[in-house]
Amino acid sequence: MNDQTNMAQLRYLEELKISLVHAGFEPERIKDQHLPVRWENHYLCRVSGRGSVLYRQENVDGIGAQDALQTVIHIAAMTAEYMTAMERAPKLQATGLEGDYRILADFGDAVLAGHPSERGVQFVTWEWDWDRKGVHHGHYFQNGYEEAKHDFVRRSGLLPREALFEPEQLAEMHRALTFVCEQDEDLSIGREKEIKTIMEQIKCLLPESPEQTQTMKQSM
């Protein structure tokens, strides 16, 4: 492994460490290009510098451990996606803009950029000025890559507005489906499974907060 690859993997693991702490996990010190992860004071798994999540079955057999593992897998993949993009992305050149901002997506009048910071990568969406030399109306997202992508899709017009749902609308749909699962006594096992799959998809689209995560877990 050359030094450049080694440093890129270390940057990835350091960023992942920040994201996992934000999600309530207990990552330990990086050792041999791997990040050990603890959950509720128990060893859960380790993540390699390449983004692979390694674990022993006996460590994920406890109550909630499988869900915790899937969350780590999701965060590891998401972090690998944007850190790989950050390594290759060109610098955003805009009038009056200072600092290291990398272009992650650019379409229509909108641009999505990533900005490395001590607290992790910060994501921003802007609208281009009419001459595309400057940007304005920035929306900032700290450790919010998925939220930033959704915001970029809205601002860029990649999808028609009618095809997009606001977080409040998604949360309301999740509550309505929860009510169906709890109250419909004639609901078949197969249909209930389909509805819960849809609820999982909605959950993945919603920006996470401790209160929201607890509410979603109680309704699943």
N, C-alpha and C. Protein backbone atom coordinates (compact mmCIF):
# COMPACT_ATOMS: atom_id res chain seq x y z
N MET A 1 0.85 -1.19 0.00
CA MET A 1 0.00 0.00 0.00
C MET A 1 0.89 1.24 0.00
N ASN A 2 0.67 2.15 -0.98
CA ASN A 2 1.50 3.34 -1.02
C ASN A 2 1.03 4.37 0.01
N ASP A 3 1.87 5.40 0.23
CA ASP A 3 1.58 6.38 1.27
C ASP A 3 0.30 7.16 0.99
N GLN A 4 0.03 7.45 -0.29
CA GLN A 4 -1.16 8.21 -0.64
C GLN A 4 -2.44 7.43 -0.30
N THR A 5 -2.45 6.14 -0.62
CA THR A 5 -3.60 5.30 -0.30
C THR A 5 -3.76 5.16 1.21
N ASN A 6 -2.64 4.99 1.89
CA ASN A 6 -2.65 4.86 3.34
C ASN A 6 -3.24 6.10 4.00
N MET A 7 -2.84 7.28 3.54
CA MET A 7 -3.36 8.52 4.12
C MET A 7 -4.85 8.69 3.81
N ALA A 8 -5.28 8.30 2.62
CA ALA A 8 -6.70 8.41 2.26
C ALA A 8 -7.54 7.51 3.16
N GLN A 9 -7.04 6.31 3.45
CA GLN A 9 -7.78 5.40 4.32
C GLN A 9 -7.84 5.93 5.75
N LEU A 10 -6.77 6.54 6.21
CA LEU A 10 -6.77 7.12 7.55
C LEU A 10 -7.75 8.29 7.64
N ARG A 11 -7.81 9.12 6.59
CA ARG A 11 -8.77 10.22 6.58
C ARG A 11 -10.20 9.68 6.61
N TYR A 12 -10.42 8.60 5.88
CA TYR A 12 -11.74 7.98 5.88
C TYR A 12 -12.11 7.49 7.28
N LEU A 13 -11.20 6.79 7.94
CA LEU A 13 -11.48 6.25 9.27
C LEU A 13 -11.68 7.35 10.31
N GLU A 14 -10.91 8.42 10.19
CA GLU A 14 -11.09 9.55 11.11
C GLU A 14 -12.45 10.19 10.92
N GLU A 15 -12.87 10.34 9.66
CA GLU A 15 -14.19 10.90 9.38
C GLU A 15 -15.28 9.96 9.88
N LEU A 16 -15.10 8.66 9.65
CA LEU A 16 -16.07 7.67 10.09
C LEU A 16 -16.21 7.70 11.61
N LYS A 17 -15.11 7.88 12.28
CA LYS A 17 -15.12 7.94 13.74
C LYS A 17 -16.04 9.07 14.23
N ILE A 18 -15.94 10.23 13.58
CA ILE A 18 -16.79 11.37 13.94
C ILE A 18 -18.26 11.04 13.69
N SER A 19 -18.54 10.43 12.55
CA SER A 19 -19.93 10.09 12.20
C SER A 19 -20.52 9.07 13.17
N LEU A 20 -19.71 8.09 13.58
CA LEU A 20 -20.20 7.07 14.50
C LEU A 20 -20.46 7.64 15.89
N VAL A 21 -19.62 8.53 16.35
CA VAL A 21 -19.85 9.19 17.64
C VAL A 21 -21.17 9.97 17.57
N HIS A 22 -21.38 10.67 16.46
CA HIS A 22 -22.60 11.45 16.26
C HIS A 22 -23.83 10.54 16.31
N ALA A 23 -23.68 9.27 15.88
CA ALA A 23 -24.80 8.32 15.86
C ALA A 23 -24.93 7.54 17.16
N GLY A 24 -24.08 7.83 18.15
CA GLY A 24 -24.22 7.19 19.46
C GLY A 24 -23.35 5.97 19.68
N PHE A 25 -22.40 5.71 18.78
CA PHE A 25 -21.49 4.57 18.96
C PHE A 25 -20.22 5.01 19.70
N GLU A 26 -19.38 4.03 20.03
CA GLU A 26 -18.17 4.30 20.80
C GLU A 26 -16.95 3.76 20.04
N PRO A 27 -16.53 4.47 18.99
CA PRO A 27 -15.34 4.02 18.25
C PRO A 27 -14.08 4.18 19.10
N GLU A 28 -13.16 3.23 18.94
CA GLU A 28 -11.91 3.28 19.68
C GLU A 28 -10.80 3.87 18.81
N ARG A 29 -9.58 3.75 19.24
CA ARG A 29 -8.46 4.29 18.47
C ARG A 29 -8.23 3.44 17.23
N ILE A 30 -7.87 4.11 16.14
CA ILE A 30 -7.57 3.42 14.89
C ILE A 30 -6.28 2.62 15.07
N LYS A 31 -6.33 1.35 14.67
CA LYS A 31 -5.17 0.49 14.80
C LYS A 31 -5.04 -0.39 13.57
N ASP A 32 -3.85 -0.36 12.94
CA ASP A 32 -3.58 -1.19 11.75
C ASP A 32 -4.63 -0.99 10.67
N GLN A 33 -4.97 0.27 10.40
CA GLN A 33 -5.93 0.63 9.35
C GLN A 33 -7.33 0.05 9.62
N HIS A 34 -7.67 -0.16 10.88
CA HIS A 34 -9.00 -0.62 11.26
C HIS A 34 -9.52 0.23 12.43
N LEU A 35 -10.84 0.43 12.44
CA LEU A 35 -11.47 1.19 13.51
C LEU A 35 -12.40 0.27 14.31
N PRO A 36 -12.02 -0.11 15.53
CA PRO A 36 -12.91 -0.93 16.38
C PRO A 36 -14.09 -0.07 16.84
N VAL A 37 -15.26 -0.69 16.90
CA VAL A 37 -16.48 0.03 17.28
C VAL A 37 -17.18 -0.69 18.42
N ARG A 38 -17.51 0.06 19.46
CA ARG A 38 -18.26 -0.47 20.58
C ARG A 38 -19.65 0.13 20.59
N TRP A 39 -20.59 -0.63 21.15
CA TRP A 39 -21.98 -0.19 21.24
C TRP A 39 -22.53 -0.65 22.58
N GLU A 40 -23.05 0.30 23.34
CA GLU A 40 -23.56 0.00 24.69
C GLU A 40 -22.52 -0.76 25.52
N ASN A 41 -21.29 -0.27 25.46
CA ASN A 41 -20.16 -0.78 26.26
C ASN A 41 -19.72 -2.19 25.87
N HIS A 42 -20.14 -2.67 24.70
CA HIS A 42 -19.72 -3.98 24.22
C HIS A 42 -19.07 -3.84 22.85
N TYR A 43 -18.05 -4.66 22.61
CA TYR A 43 -17.42 -4.66 21.28
C TYR A 43 -18.42 -5.17 20.26
N LEU A 44 -18.56 -4.42 19.15
CA LEU A 44 -19.54 -4.76 18.12
C LEU A 44 -18.86 -5.25 16.84
N CYS A 45 -17.95 -4.45 16.30
CA CYS A 45 -17.34 -4.78 15.02
C CYS A 45 -16.12 -3.90 14.81
N ARG A 46 -15.48 -4.05 13.65
CA ARG A 46 -14.41 -3.14 13.26
C ARG A 46 -14.55 -2.84 11.77
N VAL A 47 -14.12 -1.65 11.39
CA VAL A 47 -14.25 -1.21 10.01
C VAL A 47 -12.85 -1.00 9.44
N SER A 48 -12.60 -1.56 8.27
CA SER A 48 -11.30 -1.41 7.64
C SER A 48 -11.21 -0.09 6.89
N GLY A 49 -9.99 0.30 6.54
CA GLY A 49 -9.78 1.54 5.78
C GLY A 49 -10.39 1.49 4.41
N ARG A 50 -10.77 0.32 3.95
CA ARG A 50 -11.44 0.17 2.66
C ARG A 50 -12.96 0.19 2.78
N GLY A 51 -13.45 0.30 4.02
CA GLY A 51 -14.89 0.39 4.23
C GLY A 51 -15.58 -0.92 4.56
N SER A 52 -14.82 -2.02 4.66
CA SER A 52 -15.42 -3.31 5.00
C SER A 52 -15.73 -3.36 6.50
N VAL A 53 -16.89 -3.91 6.85
CA VAL A 53 -17.29 -4.05 8.25
C VAL A 53 -17.12 -5.51 8.65
N LEU A 54 -16.25 -5.76 9.61
CA LEU A 54 -15.91 -7.11 10.04
C LEU A 54 -16.44 -7.35 11.45
N TYR A 55 -17.02 -8.54 11.68
CA TYR A 55 -17.59 -8.82 12.99
C TYR A 55 -17.65 -10.32 13.23
N ARG A 56 -17.77 -10.69 14.50
CA ARG A 56 -18.01 -12.08 14.90
C ARG A 56 -19.49 -12.23 15.24
N GLN A 57 -20.07 -13.34 14.85
CA GLN A 57 -21.51 -13.53 15.03
C GLN A 57 -21.91 -13.41 16.49
N GLU A 58 -21.06 -13.92 17.40
CA GLU A 58 -21.43 -13.87 18.82
C GLU A 58 -21.51 -12.43 19.35
N ASN A 59 -20.88 -11.48 18.64
CA ASN A 59 -20.92 -10.09 19.09
C ASN A 59 -22.16 -9.34 18.61
N VAL A 60 -22.93 -9.97 17.73
CA VAL A 60 -24.11 -9.27 17.20
C VAL A 60 -25.39 -10.07 17.45
N ASP A 61 -25.35 -10.99 18.40
CA ASP A 61 -26.51 -11.82 18.71
C ASP A 61 -27.41 -11.22 19.77
N GLY A 62 -26.94 -10.19 20.47
CA GLY A 62 -27.75 -9.60 21.54
C GLY A 62 -28.91 -8.78 21.01
N ILE A 63 -29.80 -8.40 21.92
CA ILE A 63 -30.98 -7.61 21.56
C ILE A 63 -30.53 -6.26 20.99
N GLY A 64 -30.98 -5.97 19.80
CA GLY A 64 -30.64 -4.69 19.17
C GLY A 64 -29.31 -4.65 18.48
N ALA A 65 -28.48 -5.68 18.68
CA ALA A 65 -27.13 -5.66 18.12
C ALA A 65 -27.12 -5.73 16.60
N GLN A 66 -28.04 -6.52 16.03
CA GLN A 66 -28.12 -6.62 14.57
C GLN A 66 -28.51 -5.27 13.96
N ASP A 67 -29.45 -4.58 14.59
CA ASP A 67 -29.84 -3.26 14.10
C ASP A 67 -28.66 -2.28 14.20
N ALA A 68 -27.92 -2.37 15.31
CA ALA A 68 -26.76 -1.51 15.49
C ALA A 68 -25.71 -1.79 14.41
N LEU A 69 -25.50 -3.08 14.12
CA LEU A 69 -24.53 -3.46 13.09
C LEU A 69 -24.94 -2.90 11.73
N GLN A 70 -26.23 -3.02 11.39
CA GLN A 70 -26.71 -2.51 10.11
C GLN A 70 -26.54 -1.00 10.02
N THR A 71 -26.69 -0.32 11.14
CA THR A 71 -26.47 1.13 11.16
C THR A 71 -25.01 1.46 10.88
N VAL A 72 -24.09 0.70 11.49
CA VAL A 72 -22.66 0.91 11.24
C VAL A 72 -22.34 0.66 9.76
N ILE A 73 -22.90 -0.41 9.20
CA ILE A 73 -22.68 -0.74 7.79
C ILE A 73 -23.16 0.40 6.90
N HIS A 74 -24.33 0.94 7.22
CA HIS A 74 -24.88 2.05 6.43
C HIS A 74 -23.99 3.29 6.53
N ILE A 75 -23.57 3.64 7.75
CA ILE A 75 -22.75 4.83 7.94
C ILE A 75 -21.38 4.66 7.28
N ALA A 76 -20.82 3.44 7.38
CA ALA A 76 -19.52 3.18 6.76
C ALA A 76 -19.59 3.33 5.24
N ALA A 77 -20.67 2.82 4.63
CA ALA A 77 -20.83 2.93 3.18
C ALA A 77 -21.06 4.37 2.75
N MET A 78 -21.90 5.08 3.48
CA MET A 78 -22.18 6.47 3.15
C MET A 78 -20.93 7.33 3.27
N THR A 79 -20.16 7.11 4.35
CA THR A 79 -18.93 7.88 4.56
C THR A 79 -17.91 7.57 3.48
N ALA A 80 -17.80 6.30 3.10
CA ALA A 80 -16.88 5.91 2.02
C ALA A 80 -17.27 6.60 0.71
N GLU A 81 -18.58 6.71 0.47
CA GLU A 81 -19.06 7.34 -0.76
C GLU A 81 -18.60 8.79 -0.85
N TYR A 82 -18.86 9.56 0.21
CA TYR A 82 -18.52 10.98 0.09
C TYR A 82 -17.03 11.26 0.29
N MET A 83 -16.33 10.44 1.07
CA MET A 83 -14.89 10.65 1.21
C MET A 83 -14.15 10.32 -0.08
N THR A 84 -14.60 9.28 -0.79
CA THR A 84 -14.01 8.97 -2.10
C THR A 84 -14.26 10.12 -3.07
N ALA A 85 -15.49 10.66 -3.03
CA ALA A 85 -15.81 11.80 -3.89
C ALA A 85 -14.98 13.02 -3.53
N MET A 86 -14.76 13.25 -2.23
CA MET A 86 -13.97 14.40 -1.78
C MET A 86 -12.53 14.30 -2.26
N GLU A 87 -11.98 13.10 -2.28
CA GLU A 87 -10.59 12.91 -2.72
C GLU A 87 -10.41 13.29 -4.19
N ARG A 88 -11.47 13.12 -4.98
CA ARG A 88 -11.36 13.32 -6.43
C ARG A 88 -11.99 14.63 -6.90
N ALA A 89 -12.77 15.28 -6.06
CA ALA A 89 -13.57 16.42 -6.50
C ALA A 89 -12.71 17.67 -6.74
N PRO A 90 -13.07 18.46 -7.75
CA PRO A 90 -12.36 19.72 -7.99
C PRO A 90 -12.75 20.77 -6.95
N LYS A 91 -11.89 21.74 -6.75
CA LYS A 91 -12.17 22.80 -5.80
C LYS A 91 -13.19 23.77 -6.37
N LEU A 92 -14.11 24.21 -5.52
CA LEU A 92 -15.12 25.16 -5.95
C LEU A 92 -14.51 26.56 -5.97
N GLN A 93 -14.50 27.16 -7.14
CA GLN A 93 -13.99 28.52 -7.32
C GLN A 93 -15.18 29.46 -7.46
N ALA A 94 -15.36 30.33 -6.48
CA ALA A 94 -16.48 31.27 -6.52
C ALA A 94 -16.05 32.59 -5.89
N THR A 95 -16.50 33.67 -6.46
CA THR A 95 -16.16 35.00 -5.97
C THR A 95 -16.55 35.17 -4.50
N GLY A 96 -15.58 35.58 -3.69
CA GLY A 96 -15.84 35.84 -2.28
C GLY A 96 -15.86 34.61 -1.39
N LEU A 97 -15.69 33.44 -1.98
CA LEU A 97 -15.72 32.20 -1.18
C LEU A 97 -14.31 31.83 -0.73
N GLU A 98 -14.11 31.69 0.57
CA GLU A 98 -12.82 31.33 1.12
C GLU A 98 -12.89 29.94 1.76
N GLY A 99 -11.77 29.24 1.75
CA GLY A 99 -11.73 27.91 2.34
C GLY A 99 -11.73 26.83 1.28
N ASP A 100 -11.58 25.59 1.74
CA ASP A 100 -11.49 24.44 0.85
C ASP A 100 -12.87 23.82 0.67
N TYR A 101 -13.53 24.14 -0.43
CA TYR A 101 -14.83 23.56 -0.76
C TYR A 101 -14.68 22.77 -2.05
N ARG A 102 -15.13 21.49 -2.03
CA ARG A 102 -15.01 20.61 -3.18
C ARG A 102 -16.38 20.36 -3.81
N ILE A 103 -16.43 20.42 -5.14
CA ILE A 103 -17.69 20.23 -5.85
C ILE A 103 -18.03 18.75 -5.90
N LEU A 104 -19.12 18.36 -5.24
CA LEU A 104 -19.59 16.98 -5.24
C LEU A 104 -20.68 16.74 -6.28
N ALA A 105 -21.43 17.79 -6.61
CA ALA A 105 -22.48 17.69 -7.63
C ALA A 105 -22.77 19.09 -8.14
N ASP A 106 -23.06 19.19 -9.42
CA ASP A 106 -23.32 20.48 -10.05
C ASP A 106 -24.32 20.27 -11.18
N PHE A 107 -25.51 20.84 -11.03
CA PHE A 107 -26.53 20.67 -12.05
C PHE A 107 -27.47 21.87 -12.02
N GLY A 108 -27.80 22.39 -13.19
CA GLY A 108 -28.71 23.52 -13.27
C GLY A 108 -28.16 24.72 -12.53
N ASP A 109 -28.96 25.27 -11.64
CA ASP A 109 -28.55 26.45 -10.88
C ASP A 109 -27.98 26.10 -9.51
N ALA A 110 -27.83 24.82 -9.20
CA ALA A 110 -27.42 24.41 -7.86
C ALA A 110 -26.08 23.68 -7.87
N VAL A 111 -25.37 23.79 -6.76
CA VAL A 111 -24.11 23.07 -6.59
C VAL A 111 -24.06 22.53 -5.16
N LEU A 112 -23.54 21.32 -5.01
CA LEU A 112 -23.35 20.69 -3.70
C LEU A 112 -21.85 20.58 -3.46
N ALA A 113 -21.40 21.08 -2.31
CA ALA A 113 -19.98 21.09 -2.00
C ALA A 113 -19.71 20.47 -0.64
N GLY A 114 -18.50 19.92 -0.48
CA GLY A 114 -18.05 19.39 0.80
C GLY A 114 -16.88 20.21 1.32
N HIS A 115 -16.87 20.47 2.62
CA HIS A 115 -15.83 21.30 3.24
C HIS A 115 -15.24 20.57 4.45
N PRO A 116 -13.98 20.11 4.37
CA PRO A 116 -13.37 19.42 5.51
C PRO A 116 -13.23 20.36 6.70
N SER A 117 -13.54 19.85 7.90
CA SER A 117 -13.38 20.64 9.11
C SER A 117 -12.97 19.70 10.25
N GLU A 118 -12.60 20.28 11.39
CA GLU A 118 -12.19 19.47 12.54
C GLU A 118 -13.35 18.65 13.08
N ARG A 119 -14.57 19.06 12.81
CA ARG A 119 -15.76 18.34 13.29
C ARG A 119 -16.35 17.44 12.21
N GLY A 120 -15.58 17.16 11.19
CA GLY A 120 -16.06 16.34 10.10
C GLY A 120 -16.38 17.17 8.88
N VAL A 121 -16.70 16.50 7.79
CA VAL A 121 -17.01 17.20 6.55
C VAL A 121 -18.35 17.92 6.68
N GLN A 122 -18.34 19.19 6.33
CA GLN A 122 -19.56 19.99 6.30
C GLN A 122 -20.04 20.07 4.85
N PHE A 123 -21.33 19.90 4.66
CA PHE A 123 -21.88 19.93 3.30
C PHE A 123 -22.72 21.18 3.12
N VAL A 124 -22.65 21.73 1.91
CA VAL A 124 -23.35 22.97 1.61
C VAL A 124 -23.97 22.88 0.23
N THR A 125 -25.19 23.37 0.09
CA THR A 125 -25.76 23.56 -1.23
C THR A 125 -25.92 25.06 -1.46
N TRP A 126 -25.58 25.49 -2.65
CA TRP A 126 -25.74 26.89 -3.04
C TRP A 126 -26.49 26.98 -4.36
N GLU A 127 -26.94 28.18 -4.67
CA GLU A 127 -27.40 28.51 -6.01
C GLU A 127 -26.34 29.37 -6.68
N TRP A 128 -26.09 29.11 -7.94
CA TRP A 128 -25.12 29.91 -8.70
C TRP A 128 -25.68 31.30 -8.98
N ASP A 129 -24.78 32.30 -9.00
CA ASP A 129 -25.17 33.60 -9.52
C ASP A 129 -25.46 33.47 -11.01
N TRP A 130 -26.06 34.48 -11.57
CA TRP A 130 -26.46 34.42 -12.98
C TRP A 130 -25.29 34.15 -13.91
N ASP A 131 -24.07 34.63 -13.55
CA ASP A 131 -22.90 34.44 -14.41
C ASP A 131 -22.06 33.23 -14.00
N ARG A 132 -22.53 32.47 -12.97
CA ARG A 132 -21.84 31.28 -12.46
C ARG A 132 -20.42 31.58 -11.96
N LYS A 133 -20.21 32.79 -11.53
CA LYS A 133 -18.91 33.15 -10.94
C LYS A 133 -18.98 33.24 -9.41
N GLY A 134 -20.17 33.33 -8.89
CA GLY A 134 -20.36 33.38 -7.46
C GLY A 134 -21.55 32.52 -7.05
N VAL A 135 -21.72 32.31 -5.74
CA VAL A 135 -22.83 31.51 -5.22
C VAL A 135 -23.56 32.29 -4.14
N HIS A 136 -24.81 31.91 -3.88
CA HIS A 136 -25.60 32.59 -2.86
C HIS A 136 -26.60 31.62 -2.25
N HIS A 137 -27.25 32.06 -1.15
CA HIS A 137 -28.28 31.28 -0.46
C HIS A 137 -27.77 29.88 -0.07
N GLY A 138 -26.74 29.85 0.75
CA GLY A 138 -26.17 28.58 1.18
C GLY A 138 -27.00 27.89 2.24
N HIS A 139 -27.20 26.59 2.06
CA HIS A 139 -27.82 25.73 3.08
C HIS A 139 -26.72 24.82 3.62
N TYR A 140 -26.44 24.88 4.93
CA TYR A 140 -25.31 24.16 5.52
C TYR A 140 -25.79 22.94 6.30
N PHE A 141 -25.01 21.84 6.18
CA PHE A 141 -25.36 20.58 6.83
C PHE A 141 -24.10 20.00 7.48
N GLN A 142 -24.05 19.99 8.81
CA GLN A 142 -22.92 19.39 9.51
C GLN A 142 -23.19 17.91 9.69
N ASN A 143 -22.30 17.06 9.15
CA ASN A 143 -22.50 15.60 9.21
C ASN A 143 -23.87 15.21 8.65
N GLY A 144 -24.28 15.87 7.58
CA GLY A 144 -25.60 15.60 7.02
C GLY A 144 -25.54 15.37 5.52
N TYR A 145 -24.79 14.37 5.11
CA TYR A 145 -24.58 14.11 3.68
C TYR A 145 -25.89 13.78 2.96
N GLU A 146 -26.69 12.89 3.54
CA GLU A 146 -27.93 12.50 2.87
C GLU A 146 -28.90 13.67 2.81
N GLU A 147 -28.98 14.46 3.88
CA GLU A 147 -29.84 15.64 3.85
C GLU A 147 -29.39 16.61 2.77
N ALA A 148 -28.06 16.79 2.65
CA ALA A 148 -27.53 17.71 1.64
C ALA A 148 -27.84 17.23 0.23
N LYS A 149 -27.75 15.91 0.01
CA LYS A 149 -28.07 15.37 -1.31
C LYS A 149 -29.54 15.62 -1.65
N HIS A 150 -30.42 15.38 -0.69
CA HIS A 150 -31.84 15.62 -0.92
C HIS A 150 -32.10 17.09 -1.22
N ASP A 151 -31.42 17.96 -0.48
CA ASP A 151 -31.59 19.40 -0.69
C ASP A 151 -31.09 19.80 -2.08
N PHE A 152 -29.98 19.20 -2.50
CA PHE A 152 -29.44 19.49 -3.83
C PHE A 152 -30.42 19.06 -4.92
N VAL A 153 -31.02 17.90 -4.76
CA VAL A 153 -32.00 17.42 -5.75
C VAL A 153 -33.16 18.41 -5.85
N ARG A 154 -33.62 18.91 -4.69
CA ARG A 154 -34.72 19.87 -4.70
C ARG A 154 -34.33 21.17 -5.42
N ARG A 155 -33.13 21.69 -5.07
CA ARG A 155 -32.73 22.99 -5.59
C ARG A 155 -32.32 22.93 -7.06
N SER A 156 -31.82 21.79 -7.49
CA SER A 156 -31.32 21.68 -8.87
C SER A 156 -32.42 21.37 -9.87
N GLY A 157 -33.56 20.85 -9.40
CA GLY A 157 -34.63 20.48 -10.30
C GLY A 157 -34.39 19.15 -11.00
N LEU A 158 -33.51 18.31 -10.45
CA LEU A 158 -33.25 17.00 -11.05
C LEU A 158 -34.51 16.15 -11.10
N LEU A 159 -35.37 16.31 -10.09
CA LEU A 159 -36.66 15.62 -10.07
C LEU A 159 -37.76 16.66 -9.97
N PRO A 160 -38.93 16.39 -10.54
CA PRO A 160 -40.04 17.33 -10.39
C PRO A 160 -40.42 17.48 -8.93
N ARG A 161 -40.82 18.66 -8.55
CA ARG A 161 -41.14 18.95 -7.15
C ARG A 161 -42.21 18.01 -6.60
N GLU A 162 -43.14 17.58 -7.48
CA GLU A 162 -44.22 16.70 -7.03
C GLU A 162 -43.70 15.33 -6.60
N ALA A 163 -42.50 14.96 -7.05
CA ALA A 163 -41.94 13.64 -6.72
C ALA A 163 -41.15 13.67 -5.41
N LEU A 164 -41.02 14.84 -4.81
CA LEU A 164 -40.22 14.99 -3.60
C LEU A 164 -41.13 15.24 -2.39
N PHE A 165 -40.75 14.67 -1.26
CA PHE A 165 -41.51 14.84 -0.03
C PHE A 165 -40.64 15.51 1.03
N GLU A 166 -41.23 16.43 1.76
CA GLU A 166 -40.53 17.08 2.86
C GLU A 166 -40.46 16.11 4.05
N PRO A 167 -39.47 16.30 4.95
CA PRO A 167 -39.35 15.40 6.12
C PRO A 167 -40.64 15.28 6.92
N GLU A 168 -41.38 16.38 7.05
CA GLU A 168 -42.63 16.33 7.82
C GLU A 168 -43.65 15.42 7.13
N GLN A 169 -43.68 15.45 5.80
CA GLN A 169 -44.60 14.58 5.07
C GLN A 169 -44.21 13.11 5.21
N LEU A 170 -42.91 12.84 5.15
CA LEU A 170 -42.44 11.47 5.30
C LEU A 170 -42.75 10.94 6.70
N ALA A 171 -42.54 11.79 7.70
CA ALA A 171 -42.83 11.38 9.08
C ALA A 171 -44.31 11.07 9.25
N GLU A 172 -45.17 11.87 8.61
CA GLU A 172 -46.61 11.64 8.70
C GLU A 172 -46.99 10.32 8.02
N MET A 173 -46.37 10.01 6.88
CA MET A 173 -46.62 8.74 6.20
C MET A 173 -46.19 7.57 7.08
N HIS A 174 -45.05 7.73 7.77
CA HIS A 174 -44.55 6.68 8.65
C HIS A 174 -45.53 6.43 9.79
N ARG A 175 -46.07 7.52 10.36
CA ARG A 175 -47.05 7.38 11.45
C ARG A 175 -48.32 6.69 10.95
N ALA A 176 -48.75 7.04 9.73
CA ALA A 176 -49.97 6.44 9.18
C ALA A 176 -49.79 4.94 8.94
N LEU A 177 -48.63 4.54 8.44
CA LEU A 177 -48.36 3.12 8.21
C LEU A 177 -48.24 2.36 9.53
N THR A 178 -47.67 3.03 10.54
CA THR A 178 -47.58 2.43 11.86
C THR A 178 -48.98 2.14 12.41
N PHE A 179 -49.88 3.10 12.22
CA PHE A 179 -51.27 2.94 12.69
C PHE A 179 -51.94 1.75 12.00
N VAL A 180 -51.69 1.60 10.70
CA VAL A 180 -52.26 0.48 9.96
C VAL A 180 -51.78 -0.85 10.53
N CYS A 181 -50.47 -0.96 10.77
CA CYS A 181 -49.91 -2.21 11.30
C CYS A 181 -50.45 -2.55 12.68
N GLU A 182 -50.70 -1.52 13.47
CA GLU A 182 -51.14 -1.75 14.84
C GLU A 182 -52.65 -1.98 14.96
N GLN A 183 -53.44 -1.39 14.06
CA GLN A 183 -54.89 -1.40 14.22
C GLN A 183 -55.64 -2.32 13.26
N ASP A 184 -55.05 -2.66 12.12
CA ASP A 184 -55.76 -3.48 11.13
C ASP A 184 -55.62 -4.96 11.49
N GLU A 185 -56.67 -5.52 12.09
CA GLU A 185 -56.63 -6.92 12.53
C GLU A 185 -56.69 -7.90 11.36
N ASP A 186 -57.13 -7.43 10.19
CA ASP A 186 -57.23 -8.30 9.02
C ASP A 186 -55.97 -8.27 8.14
N LEU A 187 -54.97 -7.55 8.59
CA LEU A 187 -53.74 -7.40 7.80
C LEU A 187 -52.99 -8.73 7.76
N SER A 188 -52.70 -9.21 6.55
CA SER A 188 -51.99 -10.48 6.43
C SER A 188 -50.51 -10.31 6.79
N ILE A 189 -49.85 -11.41 7.11
CA ILE A 189 -48.42 -11.36 7.45
C ILE A 189 -47.62 -10.81 6.28
N GLY A 190 -47.94 -11.25 5.07
CA GLY A 190 -47.22 -10.78 3.90
C GLY A 190 -47.38 -9.29 3.67
N ARG A 191 -48.64 -8.82 3.83
CA ARG A 191 -48.89 -7.40 3.63
C ARG A 191 -48.20 -6.57 4.70
N GLU A 192 -48.21 -7.06 5.94
CA GLU A 192 -47.54 -6.34 7.03
C GLU A 192 -46.04 -6.24 6.75
N LYS A 193 -45.46 -7.30 6.21
CA LYS A 193 -44.04 -7.28 5.89
C LYS A 193 -43.74 -6.24 4.81
N GLU A 194 -44.61 -6.14 3.80
CA GLU A 194 -44.43 -5.15 2.74
C GLU A 194 -44.49 -3.73 3.31
N ILE A 195 -45.47 -3.50 4.19
CA ILE A 195 -45.62 -2.17 4.78
C ILE A 195 -44.40 -1.80 5.62
N LYS A 196 -43.88 -2.76 6.39
CA LYS A 196 -42.71 -2.48 7.23
C LYS A 196 -41.46 -2.22 6.39
N THR A 197 -41.39 -2.85 5.20
CA THR A 197 -40.29 -2.55 4.28
C THR A 197 -40.37 -1.10 3.81
N ILE A 198 -41.59 -0.66 3.49
CA ILE A 198 -41.80 0.74 3.09
C ILE A 198 -41.43 1.68 4.24
N MET A 199 -41.80 1.30 5.47
CA MET A 199 -41.48 2.13 6.63
C MET A 199 -39.98 2.27 6.81
N GLU A 200 -39.23 1.19 6.54
CA GLU A 200 -37.76 1.24 6.62
C GLU A 200 -37.20 2.20 5.58
N GLN A 201 -37.79 2.18 4.38
CA GLN A 201 -37.34 3.10 3.33
C GLN A 201 -37.59 4.55 3.74
N ILE A 202 -38.74 4.81 4.32
CA ILE A 202 -39.06 6.16 4.78
C ILE A 202 -38.10 6.58 5.87
N LYS A 203 -37.81 5.67 6.78
CA LYS A 203 -36.89 5.97 7.88
C LYS A 203 -35.52 6.38 7.35
N CYS A 204 -35.04 5.72 6.29
CA CYS A 204 -33.73 6.03 5.71
C CYS A 204 -33.71 7.40 5.06
N LEU A 205 -34.87 7.90 4.63
CA LEU A 205 -34.94 9.20 3.97
C LEU A 205 -35.02 10.36 4.94
N LEU A 206 -35.41 10.06 6.17
CA LEU A 206 -35.58 11.12 7.15
C LEU A 206 -34.26 11.51 7.80
N PRO A 207 -34.00 12.82 8.02
CA PRO A 207 -32.82 13.24 8.78
C PRO A 207 -32.93 12.72 10.19
N GLU A 208 -31.84 12.14 10.71
CA GLU A 208 -31.90 11.48 12.00
C GLU A 208 -31.65 12.45 13.14
N SER A 209 -32.39 12.23 14.21
CA SER A 209 -32.18 12.91 15.48
C SER A 209 -32.45 11.89 16.55
N PRO A 210 -31.90 12.06 17.77
CA PRO A 210 -32.15 11.07 18.83
C PRO A 210 -33.63 10.84 19.08
N GLU A 211 -34.45 11.93 19.06
CA GLU A 211 -35.88 11.77 19.31
C GLU A 211 -36.54 10.98 18.19
N GLN A 212 -36.15 11.29 16.95
CA GLN A 212 -36.76 10.61 15.82
C GLN A 212 -36.38 9.14 15.80
N THR A 213 -35.11 8.85 16.06
CA THR A 213 -34.65 7.47 16.06
C THR A 213 -35.42 6.64 17.07
N GLN A 214 -35.65 7.20 18.30
CA GLN A 214 -36.37 6.49 19.33
C GLN A 214 -37.82 6.24 18.91
N THR A 215 -38.44 7.27 18.29
CA THR A 215 -39.83 7.13 17.84
C THR A 215 -39.95 6.06 16.77
N MET A 216 -39.01 6.05 15.82
CA MET A 216 -39.05 5.07 14.74
C MET A 216 -38.86 3.65 15.29
N LYS A 217 -37.94 3.48 16.25
CA LYS A 217 -37.70 2.15 16.80
C LYS A 217 -38.94 1.63 17.51
N GLN A 218 -39.66 2.52 18.22
CA GLN A 218 -40.84 2.10 18.96
C GLN A 218 -41.96 1.67 18.02
N SER A 219 -41.97 2.24 16.80
CA SER A 219 -43.07 1.94 15.88
C SER A 219 -42.77 0.76 14.97
N MET A 220 -41.53 0.22 15.00
CA MET A 220 -41.17 -0.89 14.10
C MET A 220 -41.51 -2.22 14.76
